[in-house]
Amino acid sequence: MESFDIFFDGQQRSLLGQAYVLTGNIEDARDLVQEVFVRVWQKWDRVSSMEDPAAWARHVLRNLAIGRWRRSRRRGAQVPLVDSDSASSPPDAGHLDLVHALYGLPEKQRVVLILHDVVGLSVEEVAAEIGSPEGSVRGWLSIGRRQLGRVLRIDEVAKCSRKEMEA
């Protein structure tokens, strides 16, 4: 059983990246991660004995992000993807496009893309974490990537780049 400090050091960056992709706002992401670590700390005796404490933390993070999103939708609030008043440097336009495109995907596709392509879990690990068959995860990954490619016009950019290289 590792200490909470080791767990914190090992998971902070990954959770912050996942939270940022889920919220699109660095300050909201930091708040979510802080709340996750408070919950992990409060239940550390139980969480540390789990087979994969990081999976539990990611699950809590997703639930908190979804809860915030649902509450803001009920209030009719428009949640900005980037806080212009943030003291941190703004993300580049490509990153914002990606965040916007992810928000346009159905929840399952967004979650599996984040867990697989951002967090770095295998298909098997994603399936176990969300409680879905591996085939479904592969399908959601494929469809989600295709939709992201269309929205971000990745195919068009790749075709243009190939034509320029051939010329």
C-alpha atoms as a PDB file:
ATOM      1  CA  MET A   1       0.000   0.000   0.000  1.00  0.00           C
ATOM      2  CA  GLU A   2       1.497   3.301  -1.113  1.00  0.00           C
ATOM      3  CA  SER A   3       1.230   6.510   0.858  1.00  0.00           C
ATOM      4  CA  PHE A   4      -1.218   9.239  -0.044  1.00  0.00           C
ATOM      5  CA  ASP A   5       1.704  11.556  -0.882  1.00  0.00           C
ATOM      6  CA  ILE A   6       3.067   9.102  -3.448  1.00  0.00           C
ATOM      7  CA  PHE A   7      -0.406   8.611  -4.896  1.00  0.00           C
ATOM      8  CA  PHE A   8      -0.915  12.377  -5.090  1.00  0.00           C
ATOM      9  CA  ASP A   9       2.428  12.963  -6.817  1.00  0.00           C
ATOM     10  CA  GLY A  10       1.791  10.161  -9.287  1.00  0.00           C
ATOM     11  CA  GLN A  11      -1.775  11.131 -10.222  1.00  0.00           C
ATOM     12  CA  GLN A  12      -1.953  14.925 -10.015  1.00  0.00           C
ATOM     13  CA  ARG A  13      -0.808  15.680 -13.562  1.00  0.00           C
ATOM     14  CA  SER A  14      -2.951  12.980 -15.172  1.00  0.00           C
ATOM     15  CA  LEU A  15      -6.083  13.995 -13.264  1.00  0.00           C
ATOM     16  CA  LEU A  16      -5.522  17.667 -14.077  1.00  0.00           C
ATOM     17  CA  GLY A  17      -5.190  16.869 -17.772  1.00  0.00           C
ATOM     18  CA  GLN A  18      -8.338  14.789 -17.722  1.00  0.00           C
ATOM     19  CA  ALA A  19     -10.215  17.472 -15.769  1.00  0.00           C
ATOM     20  CA  TYR A  20      -9.116  20.157 -18.209  1.00  0.00           C
ATOM     21  CA  VAL A  21     -10.351  18.152 -21.171  1.00  0.00           C
ATOM     22  CA  LEU A  22     -13.639  17.522 -19.359  1.00  0.00           C
ATOM     23  CA  THR A  23     -14.177  21.157 -18.331  1.00  0.00           C
ATOM     24  CA  GLY A  24     -12.215  23.177 -20.882  1.00  0.00           C
ATOM     25  CA  ASN A  25     -11.220  25.555 -18.106  1.00  0.00           C
ATOM     26  CA  ILE A  26      -7.979  25.307 -16.151  1.00  0.00           C
ATOM     27  CA  GLU A  27      -9.397  26.875 -12.977  1.00  0.00           C
ATOM     28  CA  ASP A  28     -12.423  24.547 -12.996  1.00  0.00           C
ATOM     29  CA  ALA A  29     -10.069  21.648 -13.651  1.00  0.00           C
ATOM     30  CA  ARG A  30      -7.917  22.583 -10.658  1.00  0.00           C
ATOM     31  CA  ASP A  31     -11.021  22.876  -8.461  1.00  0.00           C
ATOM     32  CA  LEU A  32     -12.237  19.442  -9.565  1.00  0.00           C
ATOM     33  CA  VAL A  33      -8.868  17.807  -8.958  1.00  0.00           C
ATOM     34  CA  GLN A  34      -8.655  19.414  -5.529  1.00  0.00           C
ATOM     35  CA  GLU A  35     -12.104  18.062  -4.692  1.00  0.00           C
ATOM     36  CA  VAL A  36     -11.095  14.598  -5.939  1.00  0.00           C
ATOM     37  CA  PHE A  37      -7.993  14.572  -3.752  1.00  0.00           C
ATOM     38  CA  VAL A  38     -10.002  15.705  -0.725  1.00  0.00           C
ATOM     39  CA  ARG A  39     -12.355  12.757  -1.257  1.00  0.00           C
ATOM     40  CA  VAL A  40      -9.457  10.361  -1.809  1.00  0.00           C
ATOM     41  CA  TRP A  41      -7.765  11.642   1.365  1.00  0.00           C
ATOM     42  CA  GLN A  42     -10.968  11.256   3.399  1.00  0.00           C
ATOM     43  CA  LYS A  43     -11.347   7.631   2.281  1.00  0.00           C
ATOM     44  CA  TRP A  44      -7.652   6.798   1.943  1.00  0.00           C
ATOM     45  CA  ASP A  45      -7.838   3.715   4.194  1.00  0.00           C
ATOM     46  CA  ARG A  46     -10.422   2.179   1.854  1.00  0.00           C
ATOM     47  CA  VAL A  47      -9.124   3.637  -1.439  1.00  0.00           C
ATOM     48  CA  SER A  48      -5.508   2.616  -0.844  1.00  0.00           C
ATOM     49  CA  SER A  49      -6.543  -1.012  -0.452  1.00  0.00           C
ATOM     50  CA  MET A  50      -8.335  -1.042  -3.822  1.00  0.00           C
ATOM     51  CA  GLU A  51      -6.783  -2.851  -6.763  1.00  0.00           C
ATOM     52  CA  ASP A  52      -6.567   0.446  -8.725  1.00  0.00           C
ATOM     53  CA  PRO A  53      -6.959   3.573  -6.565  1.00  0.00           C
ATOM     54  CA  ALA A  54      -6.312   5.787  -9.615  1.00  0.00           C
ATOM     55  CA  ALA A  55      -9.359   4.294 -11.358  1.00  0.00           C
ATOM     56  CA  TRP A  56     -11.499   5.253  -8.376  1.00  0.00           C
ATOM     57  CA  ALA A  57     -10.101   8.803  -8.471  1.00  0.00           C
ATOM     58  CA  ARG A  58     -10.811   9.077 -12.224  1.00  0.00           C
ATOM     59  CA  HIS A  59     -14.341   7.805 -11.620  1.00  0.00           C
ATOM     60  CA  VAL A  60     -14.908  10.444  -8.927  1.00  0.00           C
ATOM     61  CA  LEU A  61     -13.485  13.106 -11.251  1.00  0.00           C
ATOM     62  CA  ARG A  62     -15.844  12.157 -14.075  1.00  0.00           C
ATOM     63  CA  ASN A  63     -18.841  12.106 -11.748  1.00  0.00           C
ATOM     64  CA  LEU A  64     -17.971  15.520 -10.323  1.00  0.00           C
ATOM     65  CA  ALA A  65     -17.461  17.006 -13.805  1.00  0.00           C
ATOM     66  CA  ILE A  66     -20.732  15.547 -15.078  1.00  0.00           C
ATOM     67  CA  GLY A  67     -22.547  16.789 -11.975  1.00  0.00           C
ATOM     68  CA  ARG A  68     -21.253  20.328 -12.496  1.00  0.00           C
ATOM     69  CA  TRP A  69     -22.161  20.228 -16.170  1.00  0.00           C
ATOM     70  CA  ARG A  70     -25.700  19.007 -15.422  1.00  0.00           C
ATOM     71  CA  ARG A  71     -26.238  21.628 -12.704  1.00  0.00           C
ATOM     72  CA  SER A  72     -25.081  24.395 -15.032  1.00  0.00           C
ATOM     73  CA  ARG A  73     -27.404  23.148 -17.787  1.00  0.00           C
ATOM     74  CA  ARG A  74     -30.359  23.083 -15.386  1.00  0.00           C
ATOM     75  CA  ARG A  75     -29.630  26.681 -14.412  1.00  0.00           C
ATOM     76  CA  GLY A  76     -29.397  27.539 -18.097  1.00  0.00           C
ATOM     77  CA  ALA A  77     -25.904  28.864 -17.577  1.00  0.00           C
ATOM     78  CA  GLN A  78     -23.536  28.920 -20.469  1.00  0.00           C
ATOM     79  CA  VAL A  79     -20.295  27.438 -19.222  1.00  0.00           C
ATOM     80  CA  PRO A  80     -17.390  29.070 -21.017  1.00  0.00           C
ATOM     81  CA  LEU A  81     -14.797  26.683 -22.370  1.00  0.00           C
ATOM     82  CA  VAL A  82     -12.023  29.113 -21.509  1.00  0.00           C
ATOM     83  CA  ASP A  83     -11.972  31.609 -18.696  1.00  0.00           C
ATOM     84  CA  SER A  84     -10.615  34.808 -20.197  1.00  0.00           C
ATOM     85  CA  ASP A  85      -9.902  36.164 -16.712  1.00  0.00           C
ATOM     86  CA  SER A  86      -7.670  33.219 -15.872  1.00  0.00           C
ATOM     87  CA  ALA A  87      -4.189  34.126 -14.736  1.00  0.00           C
ATOM     88  CA  SER A  88      -2.722  31.194 -16.615  1.00  0.00           C
ATOM     89  CA  SER A  89      -1.747  31.467 -20.242  1.00  0.00           C
ATOM     90  CA  PRO A  90      -4.558  30.665 -22.652  1.00  0.00           C
ATOM     91  CA  PRO A  91      -4.473  27.377 -24.519  1.00  0.00           C
ATOM     92  CA  ASP A  92      -3.701  27.474 -28.215  1.00  0.00           C
ATOM     93  CA  ALA A  93      -6.488  27.511 -30.799  1.00  0.00           C
ATOM     94  CA  GLY A  94      -5.952  23.860 -31.743  1.00  0.00           C
ATOM     95  CA  HIS A  95      -6.485  22.770 -28.157  1.00  0.00           C
ATOM     96  CA  LEU A  96      -9.647  24.856 -27.901  1.00  0.00           C
ATOM     97  CA  ASP A  97     -10.931  23.313 -31.119  1.00  0.00           C
ATOM     98  CA  LEU A  98     -10.326  19.875 -29.641  1.00  0.00           C
ATOM     99  CA  VAL A  99     -12.129  20.741 -26.400  1.00  0.00           C
ATOM    100  CA  HIS A 100     -15.096  22.154 -28.354  1.00  0.00           C
ATOM    101  CA  ALA A 101     -15.186  19.055 -30.560  1.00  0.00           C
ATOM    102  CA  LEU A 102     -15.065  16.734 -27.534  1.00  0.00           C
ATOM    103  CA  TYR A 103     -17.999  18.585 -25.978  1.00  0.00           C
ATOM    104  CA  GLY A 104     -19.988  17.816 -29.124  1.00  0.00           C
ATOM    105  CA  LEU A 105     -19.560  14.056 -28.738  1.00  0.00           C
ATOM    106  CA  PRO A 106     -21.952  11.794 -26.855  1.00  0.00           C
ATOM    107  CA  GLU A 107     -20.809  11.127 -23.288  1.00  0.00           C
ATOM    108  CA  LYS A 108     -19.619   7.521 -23.814  1.00  0.00           C
ATOM    109  CA  GLN A 109     -17.472   8.484 -26.811  1.00  0.00           C
ATOM    110  CA  ARG A 110     -16.017  11.466 -24.953  1.00  0.00           C
ATOM    111  CA  VAL A 111     -15.229   9.388 -21.857  1.00  0.00           C
ATOM    112  CA  VAL A 112     -13.523   6.545 -23.737  1.00  0.00           C
ATOM    113  CA  LEU A 113     -11.502   8.983 -25.857  1.00  0.00           C
ATOM    114  CA  ILE A 114     -10.304  10.798 -22.743  1.00  0.00           C
ATOM    115  CA  LEU A 115      -9.482   7.616 -20.841  1.00  0.00           C
ATOM    116  CA  HIS A 116      -7.749   5.976 -23.797  1.00  0.00           C
ATOM    117  CA  ASP A 117      -6.115   8.856 -25.663  1.00  0.00           C
ATOM    118  CA  VAL A 118      -5.551  11.386 -22.860  1.00  0.00           C
ATOM    119  CA  VAL A 119      -5.067   9.258 -19.743  1.00  0.00           C
ATOM    120  CA  GLY A 120      -3.401   6.434 -21.681  1.00  0.00           C
ATOM    121  CA  LEU A 121      -5.432   3.439 -20.543  1.00  0.00           C
ATOM    122  CA  SER A 122      -5.669   0.375 -22.769  1.00  0.00           C
ATOM    123  CA  VAL A 123      -8.996  -0.649 -24.308  1.00  0.00           C
ATOM    124  CA  GLU A 124      -9.222  -3.430 -21.735  1.00  0.00           C
ATOM    125  CA  GLU A 125      -8.610  -1.003 -18.864  1.00  0.00           C
ATOM    126  CA  VAL A 126     -11.179   1.475 -20.202  1.00  0.00           C
ATOM    127  CA  ALA A 127     -13.747  -1.299 -20.548  1.00  0.00           C
ATOM    128  CA  ALA A 128     -13.148  -2.448 -16.981  1.00  0.00           C
ATOM    129  CA  GLU A 129     -13.259   1.092 -15.628  1.00  0.00           C
ATOM    130  CA  ILE A 130     -16.562   2.064 -17.233  1.00  0.00           C
ATOM    131  CA  GLY A 131     -18.136  -1.395 -17.018  1.00  0.00           C
ATOM    132  CA  SER A 132     -18.682  -1.903 -20.743  1.00  0.00           C
ATOM    133  CA  PRO A 133     -17.586  -4.621 -23.164  1.00  0.00           C
ATOM    134  CA  GLU A 134     -14.258  -4.112 -24.956  1.00  0.00           C
ATOM    135  CA  GLY A 135     -16.029  -4.245 -28.328  1.00  0.00           C
ATOM    136  CA  SER A 136     -18.234  -1.325 -27.317  1.00  0.00           C
ATOM    137  CA  VAL A 137     -15.187   0.663 -26.198  1.00  0.00           C
ATOM    138  CA  ARG A 138     -13.463  -0.006 -29.531  1.00  0.00           C
ATOM    139  CA  GLY A 139     -16.598   1.079 -31.372  1.00  0.00           C
ATOM    140  CA  TRP A 140     -16.949   4.286 -29.350  1.00  0.00           C
ATOM    141  CA  LEU A 141     -13.265   5.049 -29.918  1.00  0.00           C
ATOM    142  CA  SER A 142     -13.600   4.531 -33.647  1.00  0.00           C
ATOM    143  CA  ILE A 143     -16.785   6.552 -34.017  1.00  0.00           C
ATOM    144  CA  GLY A 144     -15.538   9.296 -31.692  1.00  0.00           C
ATOM    145  CA  ARG A 145     -12.253   9.643 -33.556  1.00  0.00           C
ATOM    146  CA  ARG A 146     -14.074   9.750 -36.889  1.00  0.00           C
ATOM    147  CA  GLN A 147     -16.426  12.451 -35.612  1.00  0.00           C
ATOM    148  CA  LEU A 148     -13.527  14.443 -34.156  1.00  0.00           C
ATOM    149  CA  GLY A 149     -11.702  14.134 -37.470  1.00  0.00           C
ATOM    150  CA  ARG A 150     -14.717  15.508 -39.318  1.00  0.00           C
ATOM    151  CA  VAL A 151     -15.277  18.364 -36.901  1.00  0.00           C
ATOM    152  CA  LEU A 152     -11.593  19.272 -36.795  1.00  0.00           C
ATOM    153  CA  ARG A 153     -11.251  18.651 -40.543  1.00  0.00           C
ATOM    154  CA  ILE A 154      -8.190  16.498 -39.954  1.00  0.00           C
ATOM    155  CA  ASP A 155      -8.688  14.560 -43.197  1.00  0.00           C
ATOM    156  CA  GLU A 156      -8.723  17.795 -45.213  1.00  0.00           C
ATOM    157  CA  VAL A 157      -5.557  19.026 -43.529  1.00  0.00           C
ATOM    158  CA  ALA A 158      -3.835  15.676 -44.107  1.00  0.00           C
ATOM    159  CA  LYS A 159      -4.875  15.637 -47.801  1.00  0.00           C
ATOM    160  CA  CYS A 160      -3.597  19.194 -48.293  1.00  0.00           C
ATOM    161  CA  SER A 161      -0.301  18.327 -46.624  1.00  0.00           C
ATOM    162  CA  ARG A 162       0.142  15.222 -48.815  1.00  0.00           C
ATOM    163  CA  LYS A 163      -0.599  17.215 -51.990  1.00  0.00           C
ATOM    164  CA  GLU A 164       1.949  19.869 -50.986  1.00  0.00           C
ATOM    165  CA  MET A 165       4.564  17.193 -50.320  1.00  0.00           C
ATOM    166  CA  GLU A 166       3.900  15.522 -53.692  1.00  0.00           C
ATOM    167  CA  ALA A 167       4.185  18.818 -55.588  1.00  0.00           C
END
